[in-house]
């Protein structure tokens, strides 16, 4: 398997975890949203950028952005529908400090 290309992100989410208040923590399951999935959702859904522009910013191919976006949306949908926690962490990303990507 080919190693993953480093994805550049601009938004450092820090430690983020979202959970439904209607479930007790001992019954709670969760999904992990990687940093690149979080960044792709932010750029596409909040900033309304197209996949080509996101690919340029993150330093990956447009088809990679499409796969990341599909994975992120599936995880968020699963968490919302099935009352699961969402934790944002991990992935092969580097923070773009002041880079104009």
PDB file of N, CA and C in Angstrom:
ATOM      1  N   UNK A   1       0.830  -1.175   0.000  1.00  0.00           N
ATOM      2  CA  UNK A   1       0.000   0.000   0.000  1.00  0.00           C
ATOM      3  C   UNK A   1       0.883   1.249   0.000  1.00  0.00           C
ATOM      4  N   UNK A   2       0.497   2.209  -0.806  1.00  0.00           N
ATOM      5  CA  UNK A   2       1.233   3.453  -0.926  1.00  0.00           C
ATOM      6  C   UNK A   2       1.097   4.299   0.335  1.00  0.00           C
ATOM      7  N   UNK A   3       2.182   4.942   0.782  1.00  0.00           N
ATOM      8  CA  UNK A   3       2.048   5.823   1.951  1.00  0.00           C
ATOM      9  C   UNK A   3       1.202   7.045   1.610  1.00  0.00           C
ATOM     10  N   UNK A   4       0.469   7.549   2.593  1.00  0.00           N
ATOM     11  CA  UNK A   4      -0.387   8.711   2.364  1.00  0.00           C
ATOM     12  C   UNK A   4       0.453   9.968   2.238  1.00  0.00           C
ATOM     13  N   UNK A   5       0.045  10.834   1.325  1.00  0.00           N
ATOM     14  CA  UNK A   5       0.696  12.114   1.141  1.00  0.00           C
ATOM     15  C   UNK A   5       0.297  13.040   2.291  1.00  0.00           C
ATOM     16  N   UNK A   6       1.222  13.851   2.756  1.00  0.00           N
ATOM     17  CA  UNK A   6       0.928  14.797   3.830  1.00  0.00           C
ATOM     18  C   UNK A   6      -0.122  15.793   3.360  1.00  0.00           C
ATOM     19  N   UNK A   7      -1.140  16.000   4.187  1.00  0.00           N
ATOM     20  CA  UNK A   7      -2.194  16.960   3.887  1.00  0.00           C
ATOM     21  C   UNK A   7      -1.975  18.197   4.741  1.00  0.00           C
ATOM     22  N   UNK A   8      -2.047  19.371   4.141  1.00  0.00           N
ATOM     23  CA  UNK A   8      -1.837  20.626   4.840  1.00  0.00           C
ATOM     24  C   UNK A   8      -3.167  21.163   5.333  1.00  0.00           C
ATOM     25  N   UNK A   9      -3.208  21.500   6.610  1.00  0.00           N
ATOM     26  CA  UNK A   9      -4.431  22.070   7.176  1.00  0.00           C
ATOM     27  C   UNK A   9      -4.109  23.429   7.788  1.00  0.00           C
ATOM     28  N   UNK A  10      -5.074  24.311   7.814  1.00  0.00           N
ATOM     29  CA  UNK A  10      -4.860  25.639   8.373  1.00  0.00           C
ATOM     30  C   UNK A  10      -5.521  25.791   9.735  1.00  0.00           C
ATOM     31  N   UNK A  11      -6.586  25.043   9.961  1.00  0.00           N
ATOM     32  CA  UNK A  11      -7.341  25.156  11.206  1.00  0.00           C
ATOM     33  C   UNK A  11      -6.871  24.078  12.170  1.00  0.00           C
ATOM     34  N   UNK A  12      -6.271  24.501  13.282  1.00  0.00           N
ATOM     35  CA  UNK A  12      -5.878  23.557  14.322  1.00  0.00           C
ATOM     36  C   UNK A  12      -7.041  23.432  15.292  1.00  0.00           C
ATOM     37  N   UNK A  13      -7.747  22.301  15.258  1.00  0.00           N
ATOM     38  CA  UNK A  13      -8.932  22.182  16.106  1.00  0.00           C
ATOM     39  C   UNK A  13      -8.620  22.018  17.581  1.00  0.00           C
ATOM     40  N   UNK A  14      -7.355  21.803  17.914  1.00  0.00           N
ATOM     41  CA  UNK A  14      -7.035  21.543  19.319  1.00  0.00           C
ATOM     42  C   UNK A  14      -7.681  20.232  19.737  1.00  0.00           C
ATOM     43  N   UNK A  15      -8.101  20.154  20.975  1.00  0.00           N
ATOM     44  CA  UNK A  15      -8.786  18.944  21.430  1.00  0.00           C
ATOM     45  C   UNK A  15     -10.281  19.176  21.315  1.00  0.00           C
ATOM     46  N   UNK A  16     -10.914  18.439  20.419  1.00  0.00           N
ATOM     47  CA  UNK A  16     -12.360  18.582  20.221  1.00  0.00           C
ATOM     48  C   UNK A  16     -13.025  17.228  20.362  1.00  0.00           C
ATOM     49  N   UNK A  17     -14.088  17.242  21.121  1.00  0.00           N
ATOM     50  CA  UNK A  17     -14.905  16.050  21.277  1.00  0.00           C
ATOM     51  C   UNK A  17     -16.341  16.513  21.485  1.00  0.00           C
ATOM     52  N   UNK A  18     -17.231  15.950  20.715  1.00  0.00           N
ATOM     53  CA  UNK A  18     -18.641  16.295  20.805  1.00  0.00           C
ATOM     54  C   UNK A  18     -19.409  15.041  21.166  1.00  0.00           C
ATOM     55  N   UNK A  19     -20.349  15.175  22.096  1.00  0.00           N
ATOM     56  CA  UNK A  19     -21.123  14.002  22.489  1.00  0.00           C
ATOM     57  C   UNK A  19     -22.565  14.410  22.768  1.00  0.00           C
ATOM     58  N   UNK A  20     -23.468  13.481  22.524  1.00  0.00           N
ATOM     59  CA  UNK A  20     -24.873  13.773  22.834  1.00  0.00           C
ATOM     60  C   UNK A  20     -25.079  13.814  24.343  1.00  0.00           C
ATOM     61  N   UNK A  21     -25.818  14.792  24.799  1.00  0.00           N
ATOM     62  CA  UNK A  21     -26.083  14.926  26.233  1.00  0.00           C
ATOM     63  C   UNK A  21     -27.124  13.922  26.721  1.00  0.00           C
ATOM     64  N   UNK A  22     -27.895  13.364  25.796  1.00  0.00           N
ATOM     65  CA  UNK A  22     -28.978  12.461  26.195  1.00  0.00           C
ATOM     66  C   UNK A  22     -28.504  11.028  26.449  1.00  0.00           C
ATOM     67  N   UNK A  23     -27.234  10.747  26.281  1.00  0.00           N
ATOM     68  CA  UNK A  23     -26.686   9.409  26.522  1.00  0.00           C
ATOM     69  C   UNK A  23     -25.688   9.455  27.661  1.00  0.00           C
ATOM     70  N   UNK A  24     -25.709   8.443  28.504  1.00  0.00           N
ATOM     71  CA  UNK A  24     -24.707   8.352  29.562  1.00  0.00           C
ATOM     72  C   UNK A  24     -23.379   7.920  28.952  1.00  0.00           C
ATOM     73  N   UNK A  25     -22.302   8.314  29.567  1.00  0.00           N
ATOM     74  CA  UNK A  25     -20.981   8.037  28.998  1.00  0.00           C
ATOM     75  C   UNK A  25     -20.657   6.545  28.946  1.00  0.00           C
ATOM     76  N   UNK A  26     -21.209   5.759  29.849  1.00  0.00           N
ATOM     77  CA  UNK A  26     -20.905   4.316  29.802  1.00  0.00           C
ATOM     78  C   UNK A  26     -21.599   3.618  28.637  1.00  0.00           C
ATOM     79  N   UNK A  27     -22.679   4.171  28.095  1.00  0.00           N
ATOM     80  CA  UNK A  27     -23.379   3.584  26.949  1.00  0.00           C
ATOM     81  C   UNK A  27     -22.970   4.234  25.629  1.00  0.00           C
ATOM     82  N   UNK A  28     -22.071   5.188  25.690  1.00  0.00           N
ATOM     83  CA  UNK A  28     -21.736   5.998  24.523  1.00  0.00           C
ATOM     84  C   UNK A  28     -20.672   5.350  23.651  1.00  0.00           C
ATOM     85  N   UNK A  29     -20.956   5.259  22.367  1.00  0.00           N
ATOM     86  CA  UNK A  29     -19.974   4.832  21.376  1.00  0.00           C
ATOM     87  C   UNK A  29     -19.468   6.087  20.686  1.00  0.00           C
ATOM     88  N   UNK A  30     -18.447   5.957  19.863  1.00  0.00           N
ATOM     89  CA  UNK A  30     -17.917   7.142  19.205  1.00  0.00           C
ATOM     90  C   UNK A  30     -17.311   6.865  17.853  1.00  0.00           C
ATOM     91  N   UNK A  31     -17.087   7.933  17.112  1.00  0.00           N
ATOM     92  CA  UNK A  31     -16.382   7.880  15.836  1.00  0.00           C
ATOM     93  C   UNK A  31     -15.216   8.858  15.923  1.00  0.00           C
ATOM     94  N   UNK A  32     -14.150   8.574  15.186  1.00  0.00           N
ATOM     95  CA  UNK A  32     -12.988   9.452  15.156  1.00  0.00           C
ATOM     96  C   UNK A  32     -12.934  10.125  13.790  1.00  0.00           C
ATOM     97  N   UNK A  33     -12.977  11.437  13.802  1.00  0.00           N
ATOM     98  CA  UNK A  33     -12.865  12.252  12.603  1.00  0.00           C
ATOM     99  C   UNK A  33     -11.414  12.728  12.538  1.00  0.00           C
ATOM    100  N   UNK A  34     -10.693  12.375  11.468  1.00  0.00           N
ATOM    101  CA  UNK A  34      -9.289  12.785  11.375  1.00  0.00           C
ATOM    102  C   UNK A  34      -9.200  14.277  11.077  1.00  0.00           C
ATOM    103  N   UNK A  35      -8.028  14.836  11.308  1.00  0.00           N
ATOM    104  CA  UNK A  35      -7.832  16.268  11.086  1.00  0.00           C
ATOM    105  C   UNK A  35      -8.088  16.672   9.637  1.00  0.00           C
ATOM    106  N   UNK A  36      -7.689  15.826   8.688  1.00  0.00           N
ATOM    107  CA  UNK A  36      -7.934  16.166   7.283  1.00  0.00           C
ATOM    108  C   UNK A  36      -9.426  16.098   6.938  1.00  0.00           C
ATOM    109  N   UNK A  37     -10.165  15.194   7.575  1.00  0.00           N
ATOM    110  CA  UNK A  37     -11.611  15.144   7.371  1.00  0.00           C
ATOM    111  C   UNK A  37     -12.277  16.389   7.957  1.00  0.00           C
ATOM    112  N   UNK A  38     -11.828  16.782   9.139  1.00  0.00           N
ATOM    113  CA  UNK A  38     -12.345  17.988   9.791  1.00  0.00           C
ATOM    114  C   UNK A  38     -12.085  19.220   8.914  1.00  0.00           C
ATOM    115  N   UNK A  39     -10.861  19.340   8.404  1.00  0.00           N
ATOM    116  CA  UNK A  39     -10.485  20.481   7.567  1.00  0.00           C
ATOM    117  C   UNK A  39     -11.282  20.499   6.257  1.00  0.00           C
ATOM    118  N   UNK A  40     -11.479  19.340   5.659  1.00  0.00           N
ATOM    119  CA  UNK A  40     -12.236  19.265   4.406  1.00  0.00           C
ATOM    120  C   UNK A  40     -13.686  19.684   4.620  1.00  0.00           C
ATOM    121  N   UNK A  41     -14.299  19.228   5.701  1.00  0.00           N
ATOM    122  CA  UNK A  41     -15.668  19.662   6.014  1.00  0.00           C
ATOM    123  C   UNK A  41     -15.729  21.173   6.224  1.00  0.00           C
ATOM    124  N   UNK A  42     -14.753  21.697   6.942  1.00  0.00           N
ATOM    125  CA  UNK A  42     -14.713  23.137   7.209  1.00  0.00           C
ATOM    126  C   UNK A  42     -14.603  23.940   5.914  1.00  0.00           C
ATOM    127  N   UNK A  43     -13.701  23.533   5.043  1.00  0.00           N
ATOM    128  CA  UNK A  43     -13.487  24.273   3.801  1.00  0.00           C
ATOM    129  C   UNK A  43     -14.655  24.132   2.832  1.00  0.00           C
ATOM    130  N   UNK A  44     -15.220  22.936   2.728  1.00  0.00           N
ATOM    131  CA  UNK A  44     -16.287  22.695   1.752  1.00  0.00           C
ATOM    132  C   UNK A  44     -17.638  23.220   2.240  1.00  0.00           C
ATOM    133  N   UNK A  45     -18.023  22.844   3.449  1.00  0.00           N
ATOM    134  CA  UNK A  45     -19.361  23.180   3.923  1.00  0.00           C
ATOM    135  C   UNK A  45     -19.468  24.563   4.565  1.00  0.00           C
ATOM    136  N   UNK A  46     -18.434  25.017   5.253  1.00  0.00           N
ATOM    137  CA  UNK A  46     -18.507  26.326   5.900  1.00  0.00           C
ATOM    138  C   UNK A  46     -17.981  27.460   5.019  1.00  0.00           C
ATOM    139  N   UNK A  47     -16.837  27.227   4.388  1.00  0.00           N
ATOM    140  CA  UNK A  47     -16.263  28.281   3.549  1.00  0.00           C
ATOM    141  C   UNK A  47     -16.750  28.223   2.106  1.00  0.00           C
ATOM    142  N   UNK A  48     -17.496  27.166   1.764  1.00  0.00           N
ATOM    143  CA  UNK A  48     -18.099  27.002   0.431  1.00  0.00           C
ATOM    144  C   UNK A  48     -17.067  26.981  -0.704  1.00  0.00           C
ATOM    145  N   UNK A  49     -15.894  26.400  -0.436  1.00  0.00           N
ATOM    146  CA  UNK A  49     -14.882  26.261  -1.475  1.00  0.00           C
ATOM    147  C   UNK A  49     -15.181  25.026  -2.311  1.00  0.00           C
ATOM    148  N   UNK A  50     -14.735  25.013  -3.562  1.00  0.00           N
ATOM    149  CA  UNK A  50     -14.933  23.827  -4.402  1.00  0.00           C
ATOM    150  C   UNK A  50     -13.793  22.833  -4.146  1.00  0.00           C
ATOM    151  N   UNK A  51     -13.990  21.609  -4.605  1.00  0.00           N
ATOM    152  CA  UNK A  51     -13.022  20.550  -4.326  1.00  0.00           C
ATOM    153  C   UNK A  51     -11.655  20.828  -4.941  1.00  0.00           C
ATOM    154  N   UNK A  52     -11.616  21.468  -6.091  1.00  0.00           N
ATOM    155  CA  UNK A  52     -10.341  21.787  -6.735  1.00  0.00           C
ATOM    156  C   UNK A  52      -9.535  22.762  -5.867  1.00  0.00           C
ATOM    157  N   UNK A  53     -10.191  23.798  -5.347  1.00  0.00           N
ATOM    158  CA  UNK A  53      -9.517  24.787  -4.495  1.00  0.00           C
ATOM    159  C   UNK A  53      -9.045  24.148  -3.197  1.00  0.00           C
ATOM    160  N   UNK A  54      -9.864  23.281  -2.629  1.00  0.00           N
ATOM    161  CA  UNK A  54      -9.485  22.580  -1.405  1.00  0.00           C
ATOM    162  C   UNK A  54      -8.263  21.699  -1.659  1.00  0.00           C
ATOM    163  N   UNK A  55      -8.251  21.012  -2.787  1.00  0.00           N
ATOM    164  CA  UNK A  55      -7.117  20.153  -3.145  1.00  0.00           C
ATOM    165  C   UNK A  55      -5.830  20.970  -3.227  1.00  0.00           C
ATOM    166  N   UNK A  56      -5.898  22.143  -3.817  1.00  0.00           N
ATOM    167  CA  UNK A  56      -4.715  23.012  -3.900  1.00  0.00           C
ATOM    168  C   UNK A  56      -4.261  23.450  -2.518  1.00  0.00           C
ATOM    169  N   UNK A  57      -5.200  23.824  -1.655  1.00  0.00           N
ATOM    170  CA  UNK A  57      -4.862  24.274  -0.303  1.00  0.00           C
ATOM    171  C   UNK A  57      -4.237  23.153   0.528  1.00  0.00           C
ATOM    172  N   UNK A  58      -4.758  21.934   0.366  1.00  0.00           N
ATOM    173  CA  UNK A  58      -4.296  20.815   1.185  1.00  0.00           C
ATOM    174  C   UNK A  58      -3.116  20.069   0.566  1.00  0.00           C
ATOM    175  N   UNK A  59      -2.799  20.366  -0.687  1.00  0.00           N
ATOM    176  CA  UNK A  59      -1.661  19.727  -1.342  1.00  0.00           C
ATOM    177  C   UNK A  59      -1.923  18.293  -1.754  1.00  0.00           C
ATOM    178  N   UNK A  60      -3.175  17.986  -2.126  1.00  0.00           N
ATOM    179  CA  UNK A  60      -3.538  16.639  -2.571  1.00  0.00           C
ATOM    180  C   UNK A  60      -4.341  16.731  -3.872  1.00  0.00           C
ATOM    181  N   UNK A  61      -4.642  15.602  -4.454  1.00  0.00           N
ATOM    182  CA  UNK A  61      -5.425  15.535  -5.684  1.00  0.00           C
ATOM    183  C   UNK A  61      -6.906  15.760  -5.377  1.00  0.00           C
ATOM    184  N   UNK A  62      -7.659  16.251  -6.351  1.00  0.00           N
ATOM    185  CA  UNK A  62      -9.080  16.516  -6.164  1.00  0.00           C
ATOM    186  C   UNK A  62      -9.852  15.253  -5.819  1.00  0.00           C
ATOM    187  N   UNK A  63      -9.480  14.128  -6.401  1.00  0.00           N
ATOM    188  CA  UNK A  63     -10.180  12.873  -6.087  1.00  0.00           C
ATOM    189  C   UNK A  63      -9.944  12.462  -4.630  1.00  0.00           C
ATOM    190  N   UNK A  64      -8.784  12.812  -4.080  1.00  0.00           N
ATOM    191  CA  UNK A  64      -8.507  12.547  -2.667  1.00  0.00           C
ATOM    192  C   UNK A  64      -9.436  13.380  -1.793  1.00  0.00           C
ATOM    193  N   UNK A  65      -9.642  14.625  -2.160  1.00  0.00           N
ATOM    194  CA  UNK A  65     -10.564  15.493  -1.422  1.00  0.00           C
ATOM    195  C   UNK A  65     -11.961  14.893  -1.440  1.00  0.00           C
ATOM    196  N   UNK A  66     -12.376  14.385  -2.583  1.00  0.00           N
ATOM    197  CA  UNK A  66     -13.694  13.771  -2.717  1.00  0.00           C
ATOM    198  C   UNK A  66     -13.839  12.574  -1.774  1.00  0.00           C
ATOM    199  N   UNK A  67     -12.817  11.735  -1.695  1.00  0.00           N
ATOM    200  CA  UNK A  67     -12.849  10.568  -0.802  1.00  0.00           C
ATOM    201  C   UNK A  67     -12.848  10.996   0.671  1.00  0.00           C
ATOM    202  N   UNK A  68     -12.032  11.989   1.006  1.00  0.00           N
ATOM    203  CA  UNK A  68     -11.973  12.483   2.388  1.00  0.00           C
ATOM    204  C   UNK A  68     -13.331  13.049   2.795  1.00  0.00           C
ATOM    205  N   UNK A  69     -13.933  13.830   1.907  1.00  0.00           N
ATOM    206  CA  UNK A  69     -15.226  14.452   2.180  1.00  0.00           C
ATOM    207  C   UNK A  69     -16.317  13.395   2.377  1.00  0.00           C
ATOM    208  N   UNK A  70     -16.331  12.381   1.540  1.00  0.00           N
ATOM    209  CA  UNK A  70     -17.325  11.309   1.666  1.00  0.00           C
ATOM    210  C   UNK A  70     -17.159  10.566   2.988  1.00  0.00           C
ATOM    211  N   UNK A  71     -15.924  10.294   3.368  1.00  0.00           N
ATOM    212  CA  UNK A  71     -15.650   9.603   4.628  1.00  0.00           C
ATOM    213  C   UNK A  71     -16.085  10.450   5.820  1.00  0.00           C
ATOM    214  N   UNK A  72     -15.757  11.740   5.789  1.00  0.00           N
ATOM    215  CA  UNK A  72     -16.115  12.640   6.888  1.00  0.00           C
ATOM    216  C   UNK A  72     -17.625  12.755   7.041  1.00  0.00           C
ATOM    217  N   UNK A  73     -18.327  12.909   5.942  1.00  0.00           N
ATOM    218  CA  UNK A  73     -19.784  13.031   6.005  1.00  0.00           C
ATOM    219  C   UNK A  73     -20.429  11.750   6.507  1.00  0.00           C
ATOM    220  N   UNK A  74     -19.893  10.602   6.113  1.00  0.00           N
ATOM    221  CA  UNK A  74     -20.432   9.327   6.590  1.00  0.00           C
ATOM    222  C   UNK A  74     -20.261   9.203   8.101  1.00  0.00           C
ATOM    223  N   UNK A  75     -19.103   9.600   8.617  1.00  0.00           N
ATOM    224  CA  UNK A  75     -18.843   9.511  10.050  1.00  0.00           C
ATOM    225  C   UNK A  75     -19.735  10.464  10.843  1.00  0.00           C
ATOM    226  N   UNK A  76     -19.867  11.698  10.374  1.00  0.00           N
ATOM    227  CA  UNK A  76     -20.706  12.674  11.066  1.00  0.00           C
ATOM    228  C   UNK A  76     -22.168  12.232  11.028  1.00  0.00           C
ATOM    229  N   UNK A  77     -22.620  11.732   9.884  1.00  0.00           N
ATOM    230  CA  UNK A  77     -23.996  11.244   9.771  1.00  0.00           C
ATOM    231  C   UNK A  77     -24.246  10.081  10.718  1.00  0.00           C
ATOM    232  N   UNK A  78     -23.305   9.150  10.782  1.00  0.00           N
ATOM    233  CA  UNK A  78     -23.418   8.003  11.686  1.00  0.00           C
ATOM    234  C   UNK A  78     -23.532   8.491  13.133  1.00  0.00           C
ATOM    235  N   UNK A  79     -22.696   9.460  13.497  1.00  0.00           N
ATOM    236  CA  UNK A  79     -22.718   9.972  14.866  1.00  0.00           C
ATOM    237  C   UNK A  79     -24.035  10.675  15.185  1.00  0.00           C
ATOM    238  N   UNK A  80     -24.557  11.454  14.253  1.00  0.00           N
ATOM    239  CA  UNK A  80     -25.804  12.177  14.498  1.00  0.00           C
ATOM    240  C   UNK A  80     -27.007  11.244  14.561  1.00  0.00           C
ATOM    241  N   UNK A  81     -27.083  10.319  13.638  1.00  0.00           N
ATOM    242  CA  UNK A  81     -28.233   9.411  13.572  1.00  0.00           C
ATOM    243  C   UNK A  81     -28.219   8.399  14.708  1.00  0.00           C
ATOM    244  N   UNK A  82     -27.042   7.878  15.043  1.00  0.00           N
ATOM    245  CA  UNK A  82     -26.937   6.812  16.037  1.00  0.00           C
ATOM    246  C   UNK A  82     -26.474   7.292  17.414  1.00  0.00           C
ATOM    247  N   UNK A  83     -26.540   8.606  17.652  1.00  0.00           N
ATOM    248  CA  UNK A  83     -26.179   9.206  18.943  1.00  0.00           C
ATOM    249  C   UNK A  83     -24.805   8.752  19.430  1.00  0.00           C
ATOM    250  N   UNK A  84     -23.783   9.024  18.628  1.00  0.00           N
ATOM    251  CA  UNK A  84     -22.407   8.680  18.976  1.00  0.00           C
ATOM    252  C   UNK A  84     -21.602   9.955  19.196  1.00  0.00           C
ATOM    253  N   UNK A  85     -20.535   9.829  19.952  1.00  0.00           N
ATOM    254  CA  UNK A  85     -19.620  10.956  20.161  1.00  0.00           C
ATOM    255  C   UNK A  85     -18.735  11.114  18.931  1.00  0.00           C
ATOM    256  N   UNK A  86     -18.252  12.327  18.715  1.00  0.00           N
ATOM    257  CA  UNK A  86     -17.318  12.605  17.619  1.00  0.00           C
ATOM    258  C   UNK A  86     -16.045  13.167  18.238  1.00  0.00           C
ATOM    259  N   UNK A  87     -14.916  12.506  17.968  1.00  0.00           N
ATOM    260  CA  UNK A  87     -13.629  12.985  18.449  1.00  0.00           C
ATOM    261  C   UNK A  87     -12.780  13.334  17.239  1.00  0.00           C
ATOM    262  N   UNK A  88     -12.129  14.489  17.273  1.00  0.00           N
ATOM    263  CA  UNK A  88     -11.289  14.947  16.164  1.00  0.00           C
ATOM    264  C   UNK A  88      -9.838  14.757  16.565  1.00  0.00           C
ATOM    265  N   UNK A  89      -9.127  13.884  15.826  1.00  0.00           N
ATOM    266  CA  UNK A  89      -7.716  13.629  16.116  1.00  0.00           C
ATOM    267  C   UNK A  89      -7.077  12.808  14.996  1.00  0.00           C
ATOM    268  N   UNK A  90      -5.773  12.874  14.915  1.00  0.00           N
ATOM    269  CA  UNK A  90      -5.004  12.015  14.029  1.00  0.00           C
ATOM    270  C   UNK A  90      -5.039  12.390  12.558  1.00  0.00           C
ATOM    271  N   UNK A  91      -4.463  11.525  11.751  1.00  0.00           N
ATOM    272  CA  UNK A  91      -4.364  11.771  10.324  1.00  0.00           C
ATOM    273  C   UNK A  91      -2.941  12.172   9.959  1.00  0.00           C
ATOM    274  N   UNK A  92      -2.658  12.174   8.679  1.00  0.00           N
ATOM    275  CA  UNK A  92      -1.307  12.511   8.208  1.00  0.00           C
ATOM    276  C   UNK A  92      -1.287  13.971   7.746  1.00  0.00           C
ATOM    277  N   UNK A  93      -1.395  14.871   8.707  1.00  0.00           N
ATOM    278  CA  UNK A  93      -1.538  16.298   8.405  1.00  0.00           C
ATOM    279  C   UNK A  93      -0.418  17.102   9.053  1.00  0.00           C
ATOM    280  N   UNK A  94      -0.160  18.245   8.441  1.00  0.00           N
ATOM    281  CA  UNK A  94       0.752  19.229   9.024  1.00  0.00           C
ATOM    282  C   UNK A  94       0.037  20.563   9.014  1.00  0.00           C
ATOM    283  N   UNK A  95       0.261  21.318  10.058  1.00  0.00           N
ATOM    284  CA  UNK A  95      -0.360  22.630  10.186  1.00  0.00           C
ATOM    285  C   UNK A  95       0.390  23.629   9.314  1.00  0.00           C
ATOM    286  N   UNK A  96      -0.325  24.307   8.435  1.00  0.00           N
ATOM    287  CA  UNK A  96       0.257  25.294   7.531  1.00  0.00           C
ATOM    288  C   UNK A  96       0.299  26.644   8.237  1.00  0.00           C
ATOM    289  N   UNK A  97       1.394  26.951   8.894  1.00  0.00           N
ATOM    290  CA  UNK A  97       1.526  28.219   9.616  1.00  0.00           C
ATOM    291  C   UNK A  97       2.008  29.290   8.657  1.00  0.00           C
ATOM    292  N   UNK A  98       1.098  30.177   8.318  1.00  0.00           N
ATOM    293  CA  UNK A  98       1.457  31.291   7.450  1.00  0.00           C
ATOM    294  C   UNK A  98       1.725  30.912   6.006  1.00  0.00           C
ATOM    295  N   UNK A  99       1.562  29.654   5.654  1.00  0.00           N
ATOM    296  CA  UNK A  99       1.774  29.219   4.266  1.00  0.00           C
ATOM    297  C   UNK A  99       0.608  29.675   3.426  1.00  0.00           C
ATOM    298  N   UNK A 100       0.861  30.002   2.221  1.00  0.00           N
ATOM    299  CA  UNK A 100      -0.202  30.433   1.321  1.00  0.00           C
ATOM    300  C   UNK A 100      -0.585  29.281   0.420  1.00  0.00           C
ATOM    301  N   UNK A 101      -1.143  28.265   1.004  1.00  0.00           N
ATOM    302  CA  UNK A 101      -1.582  27.082   0.259  1.00  0.00           C
ATOM    303  C   UNK A 101      -3.049  27.170   0.033  1.00  0.00           C
TER     304      UNK A 101
END
